[in-house]
Amino acid sequence: DPSMSAEHRRNPRKRADVIIQVTNAVTGETVGRIGNLSNDGMMLVANRPVREDALYQFVFHLPDERGHPLPLEVGVHEQWSEPANVPGQFWAGFRFIDIGEHDQATLNRWLEQGGD
């Protein structure tokens, strides 16, 4: 279970309670969906293995305060990955290394909304 990682989390993570698709901004292909998000990273449930230590440009949508989906584009750095307990799925942790001010504000607002 990746939540049992020895890595000490600096920021609380919020689980995605709806399916939030993640797209590779460069190729346009869907890479998976968000498992959880924090203000400095994300856990991806990926459709295929991700490259170790790789940099990616991802796009995903978060609802604004009125529930309208807003696109966020983030540069991420792979931190860890492992096969999930579902065949053909992979868990991967990413750190945000490039996120715009506006996108960060949208993310912070989403994280502060109620949830589990």
PDB file of N, CA and C in Angstrom:
ATOM      1  N   ASP A   1       0.857  -1.190   0.000  1.00  0.00           N
ATOM      2  CA  ASP A   1       0.000   0.000   0.000  1.00  0.00           C
ATOM      3  C   ASP A   1       0.897   1.246   0.000  1.00  0.00           C
ATOM      4  N   PRO A   2       0.780   2.065  -1.029  1.00  0.00           N
ATOM      5  CA  PRO A   2       1.684   3.220  -1.121  1.00  0.00           C
ATOM      6  C   PRO A   2       1.491   4.239   0.002  1.00  0.00           C
ATOM      7  N   SER A   3       0.317   4.240   0.666  1.00  0.00           N
ATOM      8  CA  SER A   3       0.133   5.200   1.754  1.00  0.00           C
ATOM      9  C   SER A   3       0.991   4.830   2.967  1.00  0.00           C
ATOM     10  N   MET A   4       1.536   3.615   2.982  1.00  0.00           N
ATOM     11  CA  MET A   4       2.383   3.193   4.091  1.00  0.00           C
ATOM     12  C   MET A   4       3.860   3.523   3.838  1.00  0.00           C
ATOM     13  N   SER A   5       4.113   4.329   2.826  1.00  0.00           N
ATOM     14  CA  SER A   5       5.483   4.677   2.458  1.00  0.00           C
ATOM     15  C   SER A   5       6.222   5.286   3.650  1.00  0.00           C
ATOM     16  N   ALA A   6       7.519   5.026   3.709  1.00  0.00           N
ATOM     17  CA  ALA A   6       8.336   5.567   4.794  1.00  0.00           C
ATOM     18  C   ALA A   6       8.566   7.066   4.609  1.00  0.00           C
ATOM     19  N   GLU A   7       8.305   7.556   3.398  1.00  0.00           N
ATOM     20  CA  GLU A   7       8.479   8.987   3.138  1.00  0.00           C
ATOM     21  C   GLU A   7       7.545   9.769   4.062  1.00  0.00           C
ATOM     22  N   HIS A   8       8.078  10.800   4.720  1.00  0.00           N
ATOM     23  CA  HIS A   8       7.235  11.606   5.602  1.00  0.00           C
ATOM     24  C   HIS A   8       6.545  12.675   4.785  1.00  0.00           C
ATOM     25  N   ARG A   9       5.223  12.665   4.823  1.00  0.00           N
ATOM     26  CA  ARG A   9       4.444  13.618   4.042  1.00  0.00           C
ATOM     27  C   ARG A   9       4.485  14.974   4.717  1.00  0.00           C
ATOM     28  N   ARG A  10       4.863  15.977   3.946  1.00  0.00           N
ATOM     29  CA  ARG A  10       4.885  17.328   4.493  1.00  0.00           C
ATOM     30  C   ARG A  10       3.493  17.941   4.470  1.00  0.00           C
ATOM     31  N   ASN A  11       2.677  17.515   3.511  1.00  0.00           N
ATOM     32  CA  ASN A  11       1.370  18.134   3.332  1.00  0.00           C
ATOM     33  C   ASN A  11       0.286  17.071   3.309  1.00  0.00           C
ATOM     34  N   PRO A  12      -0.862  17.398   3.900  1.00  0.00           N
ATOM     35  CA  PRO A  12      -1.948  16.427   3.876  1.00  0.00           C
ATOM     36  C   PRO A  12      -2.394  16.177   2.436  1.00  0.00           C
ATOM     37  N   ARG A  13      -2.805  14.942   2.177  1.00  0.00           N
ATOM     38  CA  ARG A  13      -3.272  14.575   0.840  1.00  0.00           C
ATOM     39  C   ARG A  13      -4.775  14.410   0.883  1.00  0.00           C
ATOM     40  N   LYS A  14      -5.409  14.802  -0.214  1.00  0.00           N
ATOM     41  CA  LYS A  14      -6.857  14.647  -0.319  1.00  0.00           C
ATOM     42  C   LYS A  14      -7.154  13.642  -1.413  1.00  0.00           C
ATOM     43  N   ARG A  15      -7.928  12.636  -1.068  1.00  0.00           N
ATOM     44  CA  ARG A  15      -8.306  11.605  -2.024  1.00  0.00           C
ATOM     45  C   ARG A  15      -9.303  12.195  -3.028  1.00  0.00           C
ATOM     46  N   ALA A  16      -9.169  11.808  -4.288  1.00  0.00           N
ATOM     47  CA  ALA A  16     -10.136  12.219  -5.303  1.00  0.00           C
ATOM     48  C   ALA A  16     -11.371  11.340  -5.169  1.00  0.00           C
ATOM     49  N   ASP A  17     -12.527  11.949  -4.872  1.00  0.00           N
ATOM     50  CA  ASP A  17     -13.748  11.153  -4.693  1.00  0.00           C
ATOM     51  C   ASP A  17     -14.519  11.010  -6.004  1.00  0.00           C
ATOM     52  N   VAL A  18     -14.050  11.664  -7.046  1.00  0.00           N
ATOM     53  CA  VAL A  18     -14.594  11.450  -8.395  1.00  0.00           C
ATOM     54  C   VAL A  18     -13.405  11.092  -9.284  1.00  0.00           C
ATOM     55  N   ILE A  19     -13.680  10.531 -10.454  1.00  0.00           N
ATOM     56  CA  ILE A  19     -12.584  10.191 -11.359  1.00  0.00           C
ATOM     57  C   ILE A  19     -12.073  11.461 -12.021  1.00  0.00           C
ATOM     58  N   ILE A  20     -10.806  11.760 -11.799  1.00  0.00           N
ATOM     59  CA  ILE A  20     -10.158  12.920 -12.413  1.00  0.00           C
ATOM     60  C   ILE A  20      -9.101  12.368 -13.369  1.00  0.00           C
ATOM     61  N   GLN A  21      -9.414  12.427 -14.656  1.00  0.00           N
ATOM     62  CA  GLN A  21      -8.496  11.900 -15.662  1.00  0.00           C
ATOM     63  C   GLN A  21      -7.272  12.794 -15.761  1.00  0.00           C
ATOM     64  N   VAL A  22      -6.117  12.174 -15.979  1.00  0.00           N
ATOM     65  CA  VAL A  22      -4.864  12.905 -16.157  1.00  0.00           C
ATOM     66  C   VAL A  22      -4.363  12.622 -17.572  1.00  0.00           C
ATOM     67  N   THR A  23      -4.017  13.695 -18.273  1.00  0.00           N
ATOM     68  CA  THR A  23      -3.563  13.602 -19.662  1.00  0.00           C
ATOM     69  C   THR A  23      -2.114  14.061 -19.758  1.00  0.00           C
ATOM     70  N   ASN A  24      -1.352  13.407 -20.605  1.00  0.00           N
ATOM     71  CA  ASN A  24       0.001  13.869 -20.916  1.00  0.00           C
ATOM     72  C   ASN A  24      -0.152  15.070 -21.831  1.00  0.00           C
ATOM     73  N   ALA A  25       0.310  16.247 -21.370  1.00  0.00           N
ATOM     74  CA  ALA A  25       0.109  17.486 -22.118  1.00  0.00           C
ATOM     75  C   ALA A  25       0.865  17.484 -23.435  1.00  0.00           C
ATOM     76  N   VAL A  26       1.921  16.686 -23.537  1.00  0.00           N
ATOM     77  CA  VAL A  26       2.752  16.662 -24.738  1.00  0.00           C
ATOM     78  C   VAL A  26       2.142  15.756 -25.800  1.00  0.00           C
ATOM     79  N   THR A  27       1.711  14.547 -25.383  1.00  0.00           N
ATOM     80  CA  THR A  27       1.213  13.570 -26.354  1.00  0.00           C
ATOM     81  C   THR A  27      -0.307  13.582 -26.479  1.00  0.00           C
ATOM     82  N   GLY A  28      -1.002  14.144 -25.474  1.00  0.00           N
ATOM     83  CA  GLY A  28      -2.459  14.168 -25.502  1.00  0.00           C
ATOM     84  C   GLY A  28      -3.104  12.876 -25.053  1.00  0.00           C
ATOM     85  N   GLU A  29      -2.296  11.880 -24.647  1.00  0.00           N
ATOM     86  CA  GLU A  29      -2.900  10.612 -24.240  1.00  0.00           C
ATOM     87  C   GLU A  29      -3.220  10.607 -22.756  1.00  0.00           C
ATOM     88  N   THR A  30      -4.279   9.878 -22.411  1.00  0.00           N
ATOM     89  CA  THR A  30      -4.656   9.714 -21.007  1.00  0.00           C
ATOM     90  C   THR A  30      -3.645   8.790 -20.351  1.00  0.00           C
ATOM     91  N   VAL A  31      -3.075   9.239 -19.228  1.00  0.00           N
ATOM     92  CA  VAL A  31      -2.076   8.418 -18.537  1.00  0.00           C
ATOM     93  C   VAL A  31      -2.668   7.696 -17.332  1.00  0.00           C
ATOM     94  N   GLY A  32      -3.824   8.155 -16.871  1.00  0.00           N
ATOM     95  CA  GLY A  32      -4.439   7.514 -15.724  1.00  0.00           C
ATOM     96  C   GLY A  32      -5.389   8.473 -15.035  1.00  0.00           C
ATOM     97  N   ARG A  33      -5.569   8.238 -13.731  1.00  0.00           N
ATOM     98  CA  ARG A  33      -6.446   9.120 -12.958  1.00  0.00           C
ATOM     99  C   ARG A  33      -5.774   9.429 -11.630  1.00  0.00           C
ATOM    100  N   ILE A  34      -6.242  10.486 -11.003  1.00  0.00           N
ATOM    101  CA  ILE A  34      -5.654  10.920  -9.738  1.00  0.00           C
ATOM    102  C   ILE A  34      -6.136  10.024  -8.605  1.00  0.00           C
ATOM    103  N   GLY A  35      -5.180   9.524  -7.821  1.00  0.00           N
ATOM    104  CA  GLY A  35      -5.520   8.792  -6.598  1.00  0.00           C
ATOM    105  C   GLY A  35      -5.707   9.785  -5.462  1.00  0.00           C
ATOM    106  N   ASN A  36      -4.713  10.655  -5.275  1.00  0.00           N
ATOM    107  CA  ASN A  36      -4.862  11.740  -4.314  1.00  0.00           C
ATOM    108  C   ASN A  36      -3.949  12.891  -4.706  1.00  0.00           C
ATOM    109  N   LEU A  37      -4.226  14.036  -4.106  1.00  0.00           N
ATOM    110  CA  LEU A  37      -3.515  15.277  -4.408  1.00  0.00           C
ATOM    111  C   LEU A  37      -3.113  15.963  -3.126  1.00  0.00           C
ATOM    112  N   SER A  38      -1.965  16.623  -3.139  1.00  0.00           N
ATOM    113  CA  SER A  38      -1.611  17.562  -2.080  1.00  0.00           C
ATOM    114  C   SER A  38      -1.191  18.840  -2.788  1.00  0.00           C
ATOM    115  N   ASN A  39      -0.820  19.860  -2.019  1.00  0.00           N
ATOM    116  CA  ASN A  39      -0.468  21.105  -2.701  1.00  0.00           C
ATOM    117  C   ASN A  39       0.905  21.043  -3.347  1.00  0.00           C
ATOM    118  N   ASP A  40       1.636  19.940  -3.152  1.00  0.00           N
ATOM    119  CA  ASP A  40       2.951  19.858  -3.808  1.00  0.00           C
ATOM    120  C   ASP A  40       3.170  18.564  -4.570  1.00  0.00           C
ATOM    121  N   GLY A  41       2.100  17.757  -4.747  1.00  0.00           N
ATOM    122  CA  GLY A  41       2.284  16.519  -5.486  1.00  0.00           C
ATOM    123  C   GLY A  41       0.998  15.747  -5.655  1.00  0.00           C
ATOM    124  N   MET A  42       1.136  14.565  -6.261  1.00  0.00           N
ATOM    125  CA  MET A  42      -0.030  13.752  -6.540  1.00  0.00           C
ATOM    126  C   MET A  42       0.352  12.279  -6.597  1.00  0.00           C
ATOM    127  N   MET A  43      -0.650  11.431  -6.348  1.00  0.00           N
ATOM    128  CA  MET A  43      -0.495  10.008  -6.581  1.00  0.00           C
ATOM    129  C   MET A  43      -1.387   9.681  -7.765  1.00  0.00           C
ATOM    130  N   LEU A  44      -0.769   9.055  -8.769  1.00  0.00           N
ATOM    131  CA  LEU A  44      -1.462   8.720 -10.002  1.00  0.00           C
ATOM    132  C   LEU A  44      -1.757   7.229 -10.024  1.00  0.00           C
ATOM    133  N   VAL A  45      -2.965   6.863 -10.445  1.00  0.00           N
ATOM    134  CA  VAL A  45      -3.282   5.474 -10.769  1.00  0.00           C
ATOM    135  C   VAL A  45      -3.115   5.388 -12.283  1.00  0.00           C
ATOM    136  N   ALA A  46      -1.991   4.837 -12.708  1.00  0.00           N
ATOM    137  CA  ALA A  46      -1.593   4.889 -14.116  1.00  0.00           C
ATOM    138  C   ALA A  46      -2.008   3.639 -14.874  1.00  0.00           C
ATOM    139  N   ASN A  47      -2.210   3.814 -16.188  1.00  0.00           N
ATOM    140  CA  ASN A  47      -2.597   2.710 -17.066  1.00  0.00           C
ATOM    141  C   ASN A  47      -1.402   1.870 -17.495  1.00  0.00           C
ATOM    142  N   ARG A  48      -0.204   2.413 -17.288  1.00  0.00           N
ATOM    143  CA  ARG A  48       1.011   1.709 -17.722  1.00  0.00           C
ATOM    144  C   ARG A  48       2.144   2.161 -16.801  1.00  0.00           C
ATOM    145  N   PRO A  49       3.248   1.429 -16.792  1.00  0.00           N
ATOM    146  CA  PRO A  49       4.362   1.859 -15.940  1.00  0.00           C
ATOM    147  C   PRO A  49       4.864   3.247 -16.354  1.00  0.00           C
ATOM    148  N   VAL A  50       5.300   4.021 -15.365  1.00  0.00           N
ATOM    149  CA  VAL A  50       5.891   5.329 -15.663  1.00  0.00           C
ATOM    150  C   VAL A  50       7.406   5.199 -15.553  1.00  0.00           C
ATOM    151  N   ARG A  51       8.112   6.062 -16.256  1.00  0.00           N
ATOM    152  CA  ARG A  51       9.567   5.995 -16.243  1.00  0.00           C
ATOM    153  C   ARG A  51      10.114   6.512 -14.921  1.00  0.00           C
ATOM    154  N   GLU A  52      11.065   5.807 -14.378  1.00  0.00           N
ATOM    155  CA  GLU A  52      11.688   6.176 -13.118  1.00  0.00           C
ATOM    156  C   GLU A  52      12.420   7.499 -13.255  1.00  0.00           C
ATOM    157  N   ASP A  53      12.215   8.397 -12.276  1.00  0.00           N
ATOM    158  CA  ASP A  53      12.925   9.664 -12.204  1.00  0.00           C
ATOM    159  C   ASP A  53      12.611  10.594 -13.383  1.00  0.00           C
ATOM    160  N   ALA A  54      11.523  10.297 -14.112  1.00  0.00           N
ATOM    161  CA  ALA A  54      11.216  11.063 -15.328  1.00  0.00           C
ATOM    162  C   ALA A  54      10.447  12.337 -15.005  1.00  0.00           C
ATOM    163  N   LEU A  55      10.513  13.275 -15.928  1.00  0.00           N
ATOM    164  CA  LEU A  55       9.731  14.508 -15.866  1.00  0.00           C
ATOM    165  C   LEU A  55       8.578  14.393 -16.855  1.00  0.00           C
ATOM    166  N   TYR A  56       7.404  14.833 -16.432  1.00  0.00           N
ATOM    167  CA  TYR A  56       6.221  14.806 -17.286  1.00  0.00           C
ATOM    168  C   TYR A  56       5.507  16.147 -17.193  1.00  0.00           C
ATOM    169  N   GLN A  57       4.697  16.422 -18.199  1.00  0.00           N
ATOM    170  CA  GLN A  57       3.801  17.579 -18.191  1.00  0.00           C
ATOM    171  C   GLN A  57       2.388  17.004 -18.220  1.00  0.00           C
ATOM    172  N   PHE A  58       1.621  17.212 -17.151  1.00  0.00           N
ATOM    173  CA  PHE A  58       0.286  16.637 -17.027  1.00  0.00           C
ATOM    174  C   PHE A  58      -0.772  17.732 -17.051  1.00  0.00           C
ATOM    175  N   VAL A  59      -1.953  17.376 -17.543  1.00  0.00           N
ATOM    176  CA  VAL A  59      -3.131  18.243 -17.477  1.00  0.00           C
ATOM    177  C   VAL A  59      -4.250  17.457 -16.801  1.00  0.00           C
ATOM    178  N   PHE A  60      -4.952  18.108 -15.865  1.00  0.00           N
ATOM    179  CA  PHE A  60      -6.150  17.519 -15.271  1.00  0.00           C
ATOM    180  C   PHE A  60      -7.088  18.655 -14.914  1.00  0.00           C
ATOM    181  N   HIS A  61      -8.343  18.322 -14.664  1.00  0.00           N
ATOM    182  CA  HIS A  61      -9.359  19.337 -14.386  1.00  0.00           C
ATOM    183  C   HIS A  61      -9.851  19.201 -12.957  1.00  0.00           C
ATOM    184  N   LEU A  62      -9.952  20.329 -12.268  1.00  0.00           N
ATOM    185  CA  LEU A  62     -10.552  20.369 -10.936  1.00  0.00           C
ATOM    186  C   LEU A  62     -11.742  21.307 -10.986  1.00  0.00           C
ATOM    187  N   PRO A  63     -12.819  20.989 -10.257  1.00  0.00           N
ATOM    188  CA  PRO A  63     -13.974  21.885 -10.241  1.00  0.00           C
ATOM    189  C   PRO A  63     -13.659  23.172  -9.477  1.00  0.00           C
ATOM    190  N   ASP A  64     -14.138  24.300 -10.022  1.00  0.00           N
ATOM    191  CA  ASP A  64     -14.015  25.564  -9.286  1.00  0.00           C
ATOM    192  C   ASP A  64     -15.139  25.631  -8.251  1.00  0.00           C
ATOM    193  N   GLU A  65     -15.288  26.787  -7.603  1.00  0.00           N
ATOM    194  CA  GLU A  65     -16.283  26.872  -6.518  1.00  0.00           C
ATOM    195  C   GLU A  65     -17.712  26.694  -7.030  1.00  0.00           C
ATOM    196  N   ARG A  66     -17.940  26.872  -8.331  1.00  0.00           N
ATOM    197  CA  ARG A  66     -19.277  26.668  -8.908  1.00  0.00           C
ATOM    198  C   ARG A  66     -19.405  25.279  -9.538  1.00  0.00           C
ATOM    199  N   GLY A  67     -18.356  24.457  -9.412  1.00  0.00           N
ATOM    200  CA  GLY A  67     -18.418  23.106  -9.944  1.00  0.00           C
ATOM    201  C   GLY A  67     -18.015  22.989 -11.397  1.00  0.00           C
ATOM    202  N   HIS A  68     -17.563  24.097 -11.998  1.00  0.00           N
ATOM    203  CA  HIS A  68     -17.110  24.040 -13.388  1.00  0.00           C
ATOM    204  C   HIS A  68     -15.675  23.531 -13.447  1.00  0.00           C
ATOM    205  N   PRO A  69     -15.377  22.608 -14.358  1.00  0.00           N
ATOM    206  CA  PRO A  69     -14.015  22.068 -14.426  1.00  0.00           C
ATOM    207  C   PRO A  69     -13.011  23.086 -14.965  1.00  0.00           C
ATOM    208  N   LEU A  70     -11.932  23.271 -14.237  1.00  0.00           N
ATOM    209  CA  LEU A  70     -10.845  24.164 -14.660  1.00  0.00           C
ATOM    210  C   LEU A  70      -9.620  23.323 -14.982  1.00  0.00           C
ATOM    211  N   PRO A  71      -9.005  23.554 -16.149  1.00  0.00           N
ATOM    212  CA  PRO A  71      -7.801  22.793 -16.473  1.00  0.00           C
ATOM    213  C   PRO A  71      -6.591  23.306 -15.695  1.00  0.00           C
ATOM    214  N   LEU A  72      -5.817  22.381 -15.141  1.00  0.00           N
ATOM    215  CA  LEU A  72      -4.540  22.712 -14.508  1.00  0.00           C
ATOM    216  C   LEU A  72      -3.449  21.992 -15.279  1.00  0.00           C
ATOM    217  N   GLU A  73      -2.371  22.692 -15.565  1.00  0.00           N
ATOM    218  CA  GLU A  73      -1.236  22.049 -16.216  1.00  0.00           C
ATOM    219  C   GLU A  73      -0.059  22.119 -15.259  1.00  0.00           C
ATOM    220  N   VAL A  74       0.548  20.957 -15.013  1.00  0.00           N
ATOM    221  CA  VAL A  74       1.633  20.879 -14.029  1.00  0.00           C
ATOM    222  C   VAL A  74       2.817  20.125 -14.615  1.00  0.00           C
ATOM    223  N   GLY A  75       4.011  20.589 -14.287  1.00  0.00           N
ATOM    224  CA  GLY A  75       5.223  19.823 -14.542  1.00  0.00           C
ATOM    225  C   GLY A  75       5.492  18.981 -13.313  1.00  0.00           C
ATOM    226  N   VAL A  76       5.755  17.697 -13.517  1.00  0.00           N
ATOM    227  CA  VAL A  76       5.929  16.780 -12.386  1.00  0.00           C
ATOM    228  C   VAL A  76       7.203  15.962 -12.542  1.00  0.00           C
ATOM    229  N   HIS A  77       7.705  15.494 -11.397  1.00  0.00           N
ATOM    230  CA  HIS A  77       8.903  14.654 -11.340  1.00  0.00           C
ATOM    231  C   HIS A  77       8.517  13.369 -10.625  1.00  0.00           C
ATOM    232  N   GLU A  78       8.723  12.224 -11.288  1.00  0.00           N
ATOM    233  CA  GLU A  78       8.384  10.926 -10.703  1.00  0.00           C
ATOM    234  C   GLU A  78       9.249  10.676  -9.469  1.00  0.00           C
ATOM    235  N   GLN A  79       8.612  10.254  -8.361  1.00  0.00           N
ATOM    236  CA  GLN A  79       9.304   9.975  -7.098  1.00  0.00           C
ATOM    237  C   GLN A  79       9.382   8.476  -6.805  1.00  0.00           C
ATOM    238  N   TRP A  80       8.320   7.754  -7.124  1.00  0.00           N
ATOM    239  CA  TRP A  80       8.257   6.320  -6.874  1.00  0.00           C
ATOM    240  C   TRP A  80       7.130   5.741  -7.716  1.00  0.00           C
ATOM    241  N   SER A  81       7.188   4.454  -7.987  1.00  0.00           N
ATOM    242  CA  SER A  81       6.055   3.781  -8.618  1.00  0.00           C
ATOM    243  C   SER A  81       6.132   2.292  -8.304  1.00  0.00           C
ATOM    244  N   GLU A  82       4.989   1.642  -8.354  1.00  0.00           N
ATOM    245  CA  GLU A  82       4.905   0.203  -8.085  1.00  0.00           C
ATOM    246  C   GLU A  82       3.622  -0.324  -8.713  1.00  0.00           C
ATOM    247  N   PRO A  83       3.589  -1.621  -9.038  1.00  0.00           N
ATOM    248  CA  PRO A  83       2.351  -2.203  -9.570  1.00  0.00           C
ATOM    249  C   PRO A  83       1.230  -2.097  -8.532  1.00  0.00           C
ATOM    250  N   ALA A  84       0.042  -1.765  -8.974  1.00  0.00           N
ATOM    251  CA  ALA A  84      -1.121  -1.735  -8.078  1.00  0.00           C
ATOM    252  C   ALA A  84      -1.632  -3.157  -7.897  1.00  0.00           C
ATOM    253  N   ASN A  85      -2.633  -3.333  -7.018  1.00  0.00           N
ATOM    254  CA  ASN A  85      -3.154  -4.685  -6.831  1.00  0.00           C
ATOM    255  C   ASN A  85      -4.204  -5.035  -7.882  1.00  0.00           C
ATOM    256  N   VAL A  86      -4.428  -4.149  -8.853  1.00  0.00           N
ATOM    257  CA  VAL A  86      -5.278  -4.449 -10.008  1.00  0.00           C
ATOM    258  C   VAL A  86      -4.349  -4.681 -11.196  1.00  0.00           C
ATOM    259  N   PRO A  87      -4.456  -5.823 -11.877  1.00  0.00           N
ATOM    260  CA  PRO A  87      -3.565  -6.079 -13.015  1.00  0.00           C
ATOM    261  C   PRO A  87      -3.658  -4.964 -14.065  1.00  0.00           C
ATOM    262  N   GLY A  88      -2.499  -4.550 -14.566  1.00  0.00           N
ATOM    263  CA  GLY A  88      -2.483  -3.511 -15.591  1.00  0.00           C
ATOM    264  C   GLY A  88      -2.568  -2.098 -15.047  1.00  0.00           C
ATOM    265  N   GLN A  89      -2.582  -1.942 -13.726  1.00  0.00           N
ATOM    266  CA  GLN A  89      -2.575  -0.604 -13.120  1.00  0.00           C
ATOM    267  C   GLN A  89      -1.317  -0.428 -12.290  1.00  0.00           C
ATOM    268  N   PHE A  90      -0.903   0.818 -12.182  1.00  0.00           N
ATOM    269  CA  PHE A  90       0.324   1.157 -11.466  1.00  0.00           C
ATOM    270  C   PHE A  90       0.076   2.384 -10.618  1.00  0.00           C
ATOM    271  N   TRP A  91       0.639   2.397  -9.417  1.00  0.00           N
ATOM    272  CA  TRP A  91       0.628   3.585  -8.578  1.00  0.00           C
ATOM    273  C   TRP A  91       1.925   4.338  -8.830  1.00  0.00           C
ATOM    274  N   ALA A  92       1.832   5.651  -8.901  1.00  0.00           N
ATOM    275  CA  ALA A  92       3.044   6.442  -9.070  1.00  0.00           C
ATOM    276  C   ALA A  92       2.899   7.758  -8.332  1.00  0.00           C
ATOM    277  N   GLY A  93       3.949   8.114  -7.599  1.00  0.00           N
ATOM    278  CA  GLY A  93       3.955   9.376  -6.864  1.00  0.00           C
ATOM    279  C   GLY A  93       4.770  10.417  -7.624  1.00  0.00           C
ATOM    280  N   PHE A  94       4.225  11.617  -7.708  1.00  0.00           N
ATOM    281  CA  PHE A  94       4.887  12.712  -8.411  1.00  0.00           C
ATOM    282  C   PHE A  94       4.956  13.947  -7.537  1.00  0.00           C
ATOM    283  N   ARG A  95       6.045  14.685  -7.675  1.00  0.00           N
ATOM    284  CA  ARG A  95       6.196  15.984  -7.011  1.00  0.00           C
ATOM    285  C   ARG A  95       5.986  17.056  -8.073  1.00  0.00           C
ATOM    286  N   PHE A  96       5.215  18.093  -7.721  1.00  0.00           N
ATOM    287  CA  PHE A  96       5.035  19.205  -8.654  1.00  0.00           C
ATOM    288  C   PHE A  96       6.320  20.025  -8.698  1.00  0.00           C
ATOM    289  N   ILE A  97       6.844  20.240  -9.890  1.00  0.00           N
ATOM    290  CA  ILE A  97       8.044  21.073 -10.019  1.00  0.00           C
ATOM    291  C   ILE A  97       7.746  22.341 -10.805  1.00  0.00           C
ATOM    292  N   ASP A  98       6.578  22.386 -11.456  1.00  0.00           N
ATOM    293  CA  ASP A  98       6.206  23.577 -12.216  1.00  0.00           C
ATOM    294  C   ASP A  98       4.694  23.684 -12.227  1.00  0.00           C
ATOM    295  N   ILE A  99       4.176  24.680 -11.512  1.00  0.00           N
ATOM    296  CA  ILE A  99       2.723  24.910 -11.502  1.00  0.00           C
ATOM    297  C   ILE A  99       2.504  26.415 -11.440  1.00  0.00           C
ATOM    298  N   GLY A 100       1.631  26.901 -12.308  1.00  0.00           N
ATOM    299  CA  GLY A 100       1.361  28.338 -12.366  1.00  0.00           C
ATOM    300  C   GLY A 100       0.650  28.823 -11.118  1.00  0.00           C
ATOM    301  N   GLU A 101       0.767  30.106 -10.860  1.00  0.00           N
ATOM    302  CA  GLU A 101       0.169  30.715  -9.671  1.00  0.00           C
ATOM    303  C   GLU A 101      -1.343  30.489  -9.643  1.00  0.00           C
ATOM    304  N   HIS A 102      -1.987  30.686 -10.790  1.00  0.00           N
ATOM    305  CA  HIS A 102      -3.443  30.542 -10.878  1.00  0.00           C
ATOM    306  C   HIS A 102      -3.851  29.092 -10.644  1.00  0.00           C
ATOM    307  N   ASP A 103      -3.082  28.152 -11.255  1.00  0.00           N
ATOM    308  CA  ASP A 103      -3.379  26.730 -11.069  1.00  0.00           C
ATOM    309  C   ASP A 103      -3.156  26.304  -9.624  1.00  0.00           C
ATOM    310  N   GLN A 104      -2.119  26.860  -8.978  1.00  0.00           N
ATOM    311  CA  GLN A 104      -1.855  26.537  -7.572  1.00  0.00           C
ATOM    312  C   GLN A 104      -3.004  27.022  -6.696  1.00  0.00           C
ATOM    313  N   ALA A 105      -3.550  28.199  -7.008  1.00  0.00           N
ATOM    314  CA  ALA A 105      -4.678  28.740  -6.245  1.00  0.00           C
ATOM    315  C   ALA A 105      -5.911  27.853  -6.408  1.00  0.00           C
ATOM    316  N   THR A 106      -6.152  27.378  -7.632  1.00  0.00           N
ATOM    317  CA  THR A 106      -7.275  26.468  -7.888  1.00  0.00           C
ATOM    318  C   THR A 106      -7.093  25.178  -7.093  1.00  0.00           C
ATOM    319  N   LEU A 107      -5.876  24.640  -7.113  1.00  0.00           N
ATOM    320  CA  LEU A 107      -5.568  23.409  -6.381  1.00  0.00           C
ATOM    321  C   LEU A 107      -5.774  23.613  -4.882  1.00  0.00           C
ATOM    322  N   ASN A 108      -5.251  24.709  -4.340  1.00  0.00           N
ATOM    323  CA  ASN A 108      -5.383  24.973  -2.900  1.00  0.00           C
ATOM    324  C   ASN A 108      -6.848  25.077  -2.502  1.00  0.00           C
ATOM    325  N   ARG A 109      -7.662  25.734  -3.358  1.00  0.00           N
ATOM    326  CA  ARG A 109      -9.087  25.890  -3.070  1.00  0.00           C
ATOM    327  C   ARG A 109      -9.757  24.510  -3.054  1.00  0.00           C
ATOM    328  N   TRP A 110      -9.407  23.654  -4.022  1.00  0.00           N
ATOM    329  CA  TRP A 110      -9.983  22.312  -4.085  1.00  0.00           C
ATOM    330  C   TRP A 110      -9.599  21.514  -2.836  1.00  0.00           C
ATOM    331  N   LEU A 111      -8.347  21.643  -2.397  1.00  0.00           N
ATOM    332  CA  LEU A 111      -7.873  20.907  -1.221  1.00  0.00           C
ATOM    333  C   LEU A 111      -8.583  21.356   0.039  1.00  0.00           C
ATOM    334  N   GLU A 112      -8.974  22.649   0.088  1.00  0.00           N
ATOM    335  CA  GLU A 112      -9.607  23.178   1.303  1.00  0.00           C
ATOM    336  C   GLU A 112     -11.090  22.846   1.374  1.00  0.00           C
ATOM    337  N   GLN A 113     -11.680  22.463   0.238  1.00  0.00           N
ATOM    338  CA  GLN A 113     -13.090  22.099   0.248  1.00  0.00           C
ATOM    339  C   GLN A 113     -13.277  20.865   1.098  1.00  0.00           C
ATOM    340  N   GLY A 114     -14.488  20.687   1.586  1.00  0.00           N
ATOM    341  CA  GLY A 114     -14.807  19.516   2.412  1.00  0.00           C
ATOM    342  C   GLY A 114     -14.425  18.245   1.695  1.00  0.00           C
ATOM    343  N   GLY A 115     -14.466  17.169   2.364  1.00  0.00           N
ATOM    344  CA  GLY A 115     -14.083  15.896   1.766  1.00  0.00           C
ATOM    345  C   GLY A 115     -14.037  14.882   2.865  1.00  0.00           C
ATOM    346  N   ASP A 116     -13.241  13.864   2.682  1.00  0.00           N
ATOM    347  CA  ASP A 116     -13.183  12.829   3.730  1.00  0.00           C
ATOM    348  C   ASP A 116     -12.491  13.394   4.956  1.00  0.00           C
TER     349      ASP A 116
END
